[in-house]
């Protein structure tokens, strides 16, 4: 039964994309790239851009955090 909400699943796999169909078949996460989307898929999908999109009310704070280093997910998530 649908509750009318959009549900998303994000999987972070810190590995390069599978280059061939054969490699993708061996990759246990490869199917998610086929049925969904993979990122980064362009310049706007780097970590800093994703943080700015997710926390658009905190862009200046996010910019400041990225000036010093690469903040953790927990740091960005705590901005609310």
Protein backbone atom coordinates (compact mmCIF):
# COMPACT_ATOMS: atom_id res chain seq x y z
CA UNK A 1 0.00 0.00 0.00
CA UNK A 2 1.40 3.39 -0.97
CA UNK A 3 1.39 6.21 1.53
CA UNK A 4 1.77 8.81 -1.25
CA UNK A 5 5.30 9.73 -0.17
CA UNK A 6 8.40 9.45 -2.30
CA UNK A 7 10.95 7.14 -0.76
CA UNK A 8 14.61 7.21 -1.70
CA UNK A 9 17.43 4.87 -0.96
CA UNK A 10 20.98 6.16 -1.11
CA UNK A 11 23.85 3.72 -1.15
CA UNK A 12 27.38 5.02 -0.86
CA UNK A 13 29.91 2.59 -2.29
CA UNK A 14 33.40 4.10 -2.18
CA UNK A 15 34.63 2.32 -5.28
CA UNK A 16 34.87 3.19 -8.95
CA UNK A 17 31.98 2.33 -11.24
CA UNK A 18 32.07 -1.05 -12.90
CA UNK A 19 33.45 -0.47 -16.38
CA UNK A 20 31.94 -3.42 -18.20
CA UNK A 21 28.68 -5.32 -18.11
CA UNK A 22 30.56 -8.38 -16.82
CA UNK A 23 32.04 -6.39 -13.90
CA UNK A 24 28.62 -4.93 -13.15
CA UNK A 25 27.10 -8.41 -12.96
CA UNK A 26 29.72 -9.40 -10.37
CA UNK A 27 29.17 -6.22 -8.35
CA UNK A 28 26.54 -6.81 -5.64
CA UNK A 29 25.55 -3.12 -5.85
CA UNK A 30 25.65 -2.87 -9.65
CA UNK A 31 21.92 -3.39 -10.04
CA UNK A 32 21.21 -0.20 -8.12
CA UNK A 33 23.16 1.77 -10.69
CA UNK A 34 21.11 0.19 -13.46
CA UNK A 35 17.67 0.74 -11.94
CA UNK A 36 18.48 4.06 -10.34
CA UNK A 37 21.16 6.62 -10.81
CA UNK A 38 24.83 6.74 -10.05
CA UNK A 39 26.70 9.72 -8.80
CA UNK A 40 28.76 11.57 -9.31
CA UNK A 41 27.21 11.89 -12.72
CA UNK A 42 28.36 15.45 -13.33
CA UNK A 43 30.06 18.46 -11.81
CA UNK A 44 27.04 19.29 -9.65
CA UNK A 45 27.20 15.93 -7.89
CA UNK A 46 30.31 16.46 -5.80
CA UNK A 47 29.99 16.26 -2.03
CA UNK A 48 29.94 20.04 -1.46
CA UNK A 49 27.20 20.61 -4.06
CA UNK A 50 25.10 17.80 -2.65
CA UNK A 51 25.43 19.31 0.83
CA UNK A 52 24.32 22.72 -0.46
CA UNK A 53 21.30 21.16 -2.20
CA UNK A 54 20.30 19.15 0.86
CA UNK A 55 20.72 22.04 3.30
CA UNK A 56 19.84 25.05 1.14
CA UNK A 57 19.05 27.17 4.20
CA UNK A 58 22.66 26.78 5.39
CA UNK A 59 24.70 27.46 2.24
CA UNK A 60 26.92 30.13 3.82
CA UNK A 61 27.72 27.84 6.77
CA UNK A 62 28.44 24.95 4.41
CA UNK A 63 30.74 27.14 2.31
CA UNK A 64 32.63 28.14 5.45
CA UNK A 65 33.01 24.51 6.54
CA UNK A 66 34.40 23.51 3.14
CA UNK A 67 36.95 26.36 3.24
CA UNK A 68 38.77 24.71 6.14
CA UNK A 69 38.43 21.02 5.25
CA UNK A 70 35.91 18.43 4.10
CA UNK A 71 33.26 18.23 6.82
CA UNK A 72 31.80 14.90 7.84
CA UNK A 73 28.23 13.93 7.01
CA UNK A 74 27.41 14.23 10.70
CA UNK A 75 28.64 17.84 10.75
CA UNK A 76 26.50 18.77 7.75
CA UNK A 77 23.50 16.86 9.11
CA UNK A 78 23.74 18.70 12.45
CA UNK A 79 23.28 22.12 10.81
CA UNK A 80 19.54 22.06 11.53
